[in-house]
Protein backbone atom coordinates (compact mmCIF):
# COMPACT_ATOMS: atom_id res chain seq x y z
CA UNK A 1 -0.19 0.17 -0.03
CA UNK A 2 1.50 3.84 -1.00
CA UNK A 3 1.88 5.99 2.36
CA UNK A 4 2.22 9.59 1.68
CA UNK A 5 4.54 12.07 3.57
CA UNK A 6 1.69 14.55 4.15
CA UNK A 7 -0.03 15.62 7.06
CA UNK A 8 -3.37 15.87 8.75
CA UNK A 9 -4.63 19.29 7.41
CA UNK A 10 -5.71 19.84 10.92
CA UNK A 11 -2.62 19.96 12.28
CA UNK A 12 -1.65 22.85 9.82
CA UNK A 13 -4.67 24.61 10.60
CA UNK A 14 -3.94 23.95 14.44
CA UNK A 15 -0.23 25.66 14.35
CA UNK A 16 -1.51 28.52 12.23
CA UNK A 17 -4.27 29.32 14.48
CA UNK A 18 -2.02 29.36 17.34
CA UNK A 19 0.85 31.90 16.08
CA UNK A 20 0.66 34.73 12.89
CA UNK A 21 4.14 33.56 12.68
CA UNK A 22 5.20 31.40 9.51
CA UNK A 23 7.89 29.87 10.53
CA UNK A 24 10.69 29.02 7.94
CA UNK A 25 12.94 27.37 10.24
CA UNK A 26 11.96 24.14 12.32
CA UNK A 27 14.28 22.31 14.91
CA UNK A 28 13.81 19.21 16.55
CA UNK A 29 14.90 19.52 20.03
CA UNK A 30 16.74 15.43 22.22
CA UNK A 31 16.72 14.74 24.82
CA UNK A 32 17.48 17.09 27.41
CA UNK A 33 17.57 19.47 25.63
CA UNK A 34 14.07 21.07 25.32
CA UNK A 35 15.38 24.14 26.93
CA UNK A 36 16.08 26.14 23.58
CA UNK A 37 12.26 26.89 22.86
CA UNK A 38 12.42 28.87 26.50
CA UNK A 39 14.67 31.04 24.46
CA UNK A 40 11.74 32.08 21.80
CA UNK A 41 10.34 35.45 21.74
CA UNK A 42 6.53 35.80 20.95
CA UNK A 43 6.28 31.93 21.53
CA UNK A 44 2.85 29.82 21.32
CA UNK A 45 2.64 26.56 22.67
CA UNK A 46 0.58 23.36 21.13
CA UNK A 47 0.91 19.84 23.23
CA UNK A 48 1.88 17.13 20.65
CA UNK A 49 -1.56 15.63 22.05
CA UNK A 50 -3.47 18.34 20.04
CA UNK A 51 -2.11 17.18 16.78
CA UNK A 52 -4.21 14.75 15.22
CA UNK A 53 -1.00 13.09 13.52
CA UNK A 54 1.56 12.96 15.92
CA UNK A 55 1.77 9.29 17.13
CA UNK A 56 0.35 8.78 20.19
CA UNK A 57 3.11 7.15 22.69
CA UNK A 58 4.09 7.52 25.87
CA UNK A 59 6.75 10.42 26.60
CA UNK A 60 10.01 9.58 27.64
CA UNK A 61 12.14 11.96 30.28
CA UNK A 62 13.69 14.62 28.89
CA UNK A 63 11.51 15.24 25.97
CA UNK A 64 8.74 17.86 26.53
CA UNK A 65 6.42 16.63 24.51
CA UNK A 66 5.24 20.39 22.92
CA UNK A 67 5.67 22.41 19.48
CA UNK A 68 6.52 26.02 19.73
CA UNK A 69 6.25 28.85 17.21
CA UNK A 70 8.16 31.53 17.84
CA UNK A 71 11.05 34.03 16.81
CA UNK A 72 14.50 32.83 17.18
CA UNK A 73 17.22 35.08 16.52
CA UNK A 74 14.49 37.23 14.86
CA UNK A 75 13.94 34.44 12.52
CA UNK A 76 10.02 32.76 12.62
CA UNK A 77 10.86 29.04 13.76
CA UNK A 78 8.88 26.78 14.91
CA UNK A 79 10.57 24.12 17.66
CA UNK A 80 9.18 20.63 18.81
CA UNK A 81 9.98 19.61 22.12
CA UNK A 82 10.78 15.51 21.75
CA UNK A 83 10.41 13.61 19.23
CA UNK A 84 8.30 10.17 18.94
CA UNK A 85 11.19 7.09 18.85
CA UNK A 86 10.52 4.07 16.62
CA UNK A 87 11.91 1.91 19.59
CA UNK A 88 8.33 2.97 21.28
CA UNK A 89 6.49 1.05 18.67
CA UNK A 90 6.10 3.73 16.20
CA UNK A 91 6.80 3.06 12.42
CA UNK A 92 9.75 5.36 10.65
CA UNK A 93 7.52 7.11 9.13
CA UNK A 94 5.38 8.40 11.97
CA UNK A 95 8.61 8.99 13.74
CA UNK A 96 9.34 11.47 11.02
CA UNK A 97 6.45 13.17 11.92
CA UNK A 98 7.94 16.49 13.13
CA UNK A 99 10.30 16.88 9.48
CA UNK A 100 6.69 16.49 7.45
CA UNK A 101 4.78 18.56 9.69
CA UNK A 102 7.76 21.36 9.33
CA UNK A 103 7.41 20.88 5.16
CA UNK A 104 3.73 21.42 5.43
CA UNK A 105 4.32 24.99 7.86
CA UNK A 106 6.31 26.17 4.69
CA UNK A 107 9.96 25.31 6.47
CA UNK A 108 12.72 24.78 4.14
CA UNK A 109 15.07 24.42 6.47
CA UNK A 110 15.79 21.57 9.54
CA UNK A 111 18.05 21.88 12.78
CA UNK A 112 17.95 18.00 13.85
CA UNK A 113 19.64 17.74 17.58
CA UNK A 114 20.04 14.71 19.75
CA UNK A 115 21.82 13.14 22.60
CA UNK A 116 24.27 10.34 21.46
CA UNK A 117 26.86 7.86 22.41
CA UNK A 118 30.66 8.36 21.69
CA UNK A 119 32.11 5.90 19.67
CA UNK A 120 35.66 7.35 18.81
CA UNK A 121 38.26 8.05 21.85
CA UNK A 122 38.43 11.96 20.32
CA UNK A 123 34.92 12.62 21.73
CA UNK A 124 34.52 13.63 25.11
CA UNK A 125 31.01 13.95 27.44
CA UNK A 126 29.51 17.14 26.66
CA UNK A 127 31.21 17.59 23.26
CA UNK A 128 29.39 18.97 20.64
CA UNK A 129 29.40 17.53 17.05
CA UNK A 130 28.17 18.52 13.84
CA UNK A 131 27.20 15.77 11.93
CA UNK A 132 28.61 15.08 8.44
CA UNK A 133 26.73 12.26 7.71
CA UNK A 134 24.94 8.96 8.77
CA UNK A 135 24.29 5.28 8.72
CA UNK A 136 20.92 4.17 8.34
CA UNK A 137 21.37 0.88 10.85
CA UNK A 138 17.85 0.88 11.98
CA UNK A 139 16.05 -1.52 9.68
CA UNK A 140 13.70 0.78 8.67
CA UNK A 141 12.95 3.51 6.17
CA UNK A 142 10.27 6.75 6.32
CA UNK A 143 9.96 6.30 2.54
CA UNK A 144 8.80 2.66 2.50
CA UNK A 145 5.79 2.29 0.13
CA UNK A 146 5.87 5.92 -0.57
CA UNK A 147 5.75 6.73 -4.47
CA UNK A 148 7.64 9.29 -4.42
CA UNK A 149 6.46 13.17 -5.34
CA UNK A 150 4.12 13.33 -8.49
CA UNK A 151 5.62 12.45 -11.49
CA UNK A 152 8.80 11.42 -9.67
CA UNK A 153 10.48 8.40 -8.26
CA UNK A 154 10.78 7.46 -4.46
CA UNK A 155 14.87 7.00 -5.29
CA UNK A 156 15.85 10.00 -3.06
CA UNK A 157 20.06 10.77 -3.32
CA UNK A 158 21.60 10.96 0.01
CA UNK A 159 24.98 12.06 -0.24
CA UNK A 160 24.58 15.56 1.00
CA UNK A 161 21.82 15.05 3.21
CA UNK A 162 23.52 17.11 5.74
CA UNK A 163 24.07 20.45 3.77
CA UNK A 164 27.29 21.10 3.43
CA UNK A 165 26.46 25.04 3.32
CA UNK A 166 24.95 24.96 6.79
CA UNK A 167 27.47 22.86 8.14
CA UNK A 168 30.18 25.44 7.37
CA UNK A 169 27.83 28.56 9.20
CA UNK A 170 27.58 26.83 12.17
CA UNK A 171 31.37 25.82 12.25
CA UNK A 172 31.74 29.00 11.92
CA UNK A 173 29.61 30.14 14.09
CA UNK A 174 31.08 28.08 16.82
CA UNK A 175 34.62 29.33 15.70
CA UNK A 176 33.27 33.01 16.34
CA UNK A 177 31.43 31.88 19.82
CA UNK A 178 34.69 30.03 20.98
CA UNK A 179 32.89 27.29 21.17
CA UNK A 180 34.93 23.47 20.35
CA UNK A 181 32.65 21.67 18.26
CA UNK A 182 33.36 18.51 15.69
CA UNK A 183 32.71 16.88 12.52
CA UNK A 184 31.49 13.42 12.45
CA UNK A 185 29.25 10.65 11.21
CA UNK A 186 26.24 9.80 13.02
CA UNK A 187 25.06 5.58 13.26
CA UNK A 188 21.24 4.98 13.86
CA UNK A 189 20.19 2.40 15.53
CA UNK A 190 16.62 1.06 16.74
CA UNK A 191 17.12 0.53 20.43
CA UNK A 192 15.72 1.05 22.86
CA UNK A 193 19.03 -0.89 24.55
CA UNK A 194 22.48 0.97 24.74
CA UNK A 195 25.05 -0.66 22.49
CA UNK A 196 27.28 -3.88 23.59
CA UNK A 197 30.81 -3.40 23.43
CA UNK A 198 31.27 -5.33 20.45
CA UNK A 199 28.84 -3.34 18.79
CA UNK A 200 31.13 0.08 19.58
CA UNK A 201 33.68 -1.61 18.03
CA UNK A 202 31.58 -2.46 14.73
CA UNK A 203 30.46 1.14 14.69
CA UNK A 204 33.99 2.35 14.98
CA UNK A 205 34.93 0.18 12.23
CA UNK A 206 32.57 0.97 9.97
CA UNK A 207 33.60 4.78 10.38
CA UNK A 208 31.02 6.32 12.99
CA UNK A 209 31.93 9.15 15.66
CA UNK A 210 28.56 8.85 17.21
CA UNK A 211 25.22 6.54 17.78
CA UNK A 212 21.54 6.97 18.83
CA UNK A 213 18.48 6.06 18.28
CA UNK A 214 16.63 9.17 16.37
CA UNK A 215 17.54 11.41 13.79
CA UNK A 216 17.48 9.44 10.64
CA UNK A 217 13.99 8.65 9.76
CA UNK A 218 13.73 12.63 10.49
CA UNK A 219 16.48 13.50 7.98
CA UNK A 220 15.66 10.94 5.00
CA UNK A 221 11.96 12.49 4.85
CA UNK A 222 13.65 15.98 4.89
CA UNK A 223 15.54 15.40 1.80
CA UNK A 224 12.08 13.58 0.43
CA UNK A 225 10.54 16.74 0.90
CA UNK A 226 13.11 19.25 -0.40
CA UNK A 227 14.32 20.39 3.20
CA UNK A 228 18.24 21.35 3.85
CA UNK A 229 19.07 19.78 7.46
CA UNK A 230 21.67 20.91 9.59
CA UNK A 231 22.25 18.53 12.21
CA UNK A 232 23.95 18.49 16.03
CA UNK A 233 24.73 15.86 18.27
CA UNK A 234 25.55 15.71 21.89
CA UNK A 235 27.79 13.77 23.25
CA UNK A 236 26.07 11.70 26.60
CA UNK A 237 28.51 8.94 27.48
CA UNK A 238 32.33 8.70 26.67
CA UNK A 239 33.76 5.87 23.94
CA UNK A 240 32.56 2.13 24.36
CA UNK A 241 29.47 3.06 26.63
CA UNK A 242 30.91 3.78 29.41
CA UNK A 243 29.12 4.94 32.41
CA UNK A 244 25.97 5.66 30.09
CA UNK A 245 22.41 5.83 32.00
CA UNK A 246 19.64 8.35 30.60
CA UNK A 247 19.59 10.35 34.08
CA UNK A 248 23.39 10.98 32.47
CA UNK A 249 22.29 12.05 29.09
CA UNK A 250 19.80 14.44 30.58
CA UNK A 251 22.68 15.90 32.97
CA UNK A 252 24.97 15.89 29.73
CA UNK A 253 22.20 18.13 28.05
CA UNK A 254 22.00 20.35 31.01
CA UNK A 255 25.68 21.29 30.92
CA UNK A 256 25.74 21.89 27.17
CA UNK A 257 21.99 23.77 26.58
CA UNK A 258 23.81 26.95 27.44
CA UNK A 259 26.20 26.46 24.44
CA UNK A 260 23.44 25.04 22.08
CA UNK A 261 20.92 27.71 22.44
CA UNK A 262 23.68 30.43 21.74
CA UNK A 263 24.83 28.42 18.64
CA UNK A 264 21.69 27.89 17.25
CA UNK A 265 20.02 30.70 17.57
CA UNK A 266 23.48 32.70 15.64
CA UNK A 267 22.96 30.03 13.18
CA UNK A 268 19.25 30.55 12.32
CA UNK A 269 20.00 34.53 12.65
CA UNK A 270 22.44 33.80 9.72
CA UNK A 271 20.43 31.88 7.14
């Protein structure tokens, strides 16, 4: 059965009714990173529960479960405070709902953030990583069953899934703010179990720098819908999965939140 990347018209109408702003940029906030939404001005809030198409899943600690429309760096944005994960029992298409709604609202840039495990020893807890590429190791794809755009094909190129120009802007922003950031490859696994030491070794051998349980479906859908993407990972545990707990994910998020807020705010203002 063919699937659609569209969203219910009622969801678009609900967001438009909540705010007169027309967002250009969408930001998906990962575990422990929802505080960026507090920086937005002229903010209007819509709970995920009010959105007809948003997957009905239980909330994950560190995910506020709200959509915020407001101004960030003077630019109209829509901020998603948390996401649905495939390990909660939703499909890849459902996990990509923030991207799909962002496209329906008229956004042309998607910023995805996540909490990730460090795979390589050069990364430490609290480091920020600009994602240069990803590996889809989830075993699923949000475009499965999608016939492609009208008159087109469902074969979406992923060579520059993480837009080189947007990455260059973020790296320049970080340099000007004196914030150390790295670039790296994100490996997306299904979860919810964390990786074994053997799996971490495998990922390192494949060329991954960080690993997580989100983001990939959102980015694939973004490219299918024509959105440019910037991805940012916050490293929340040392390489080889040492000392990892969800509480530590949130703690690392708290420590890096201020830096990330400044970086994303300036990045958005320069678009």
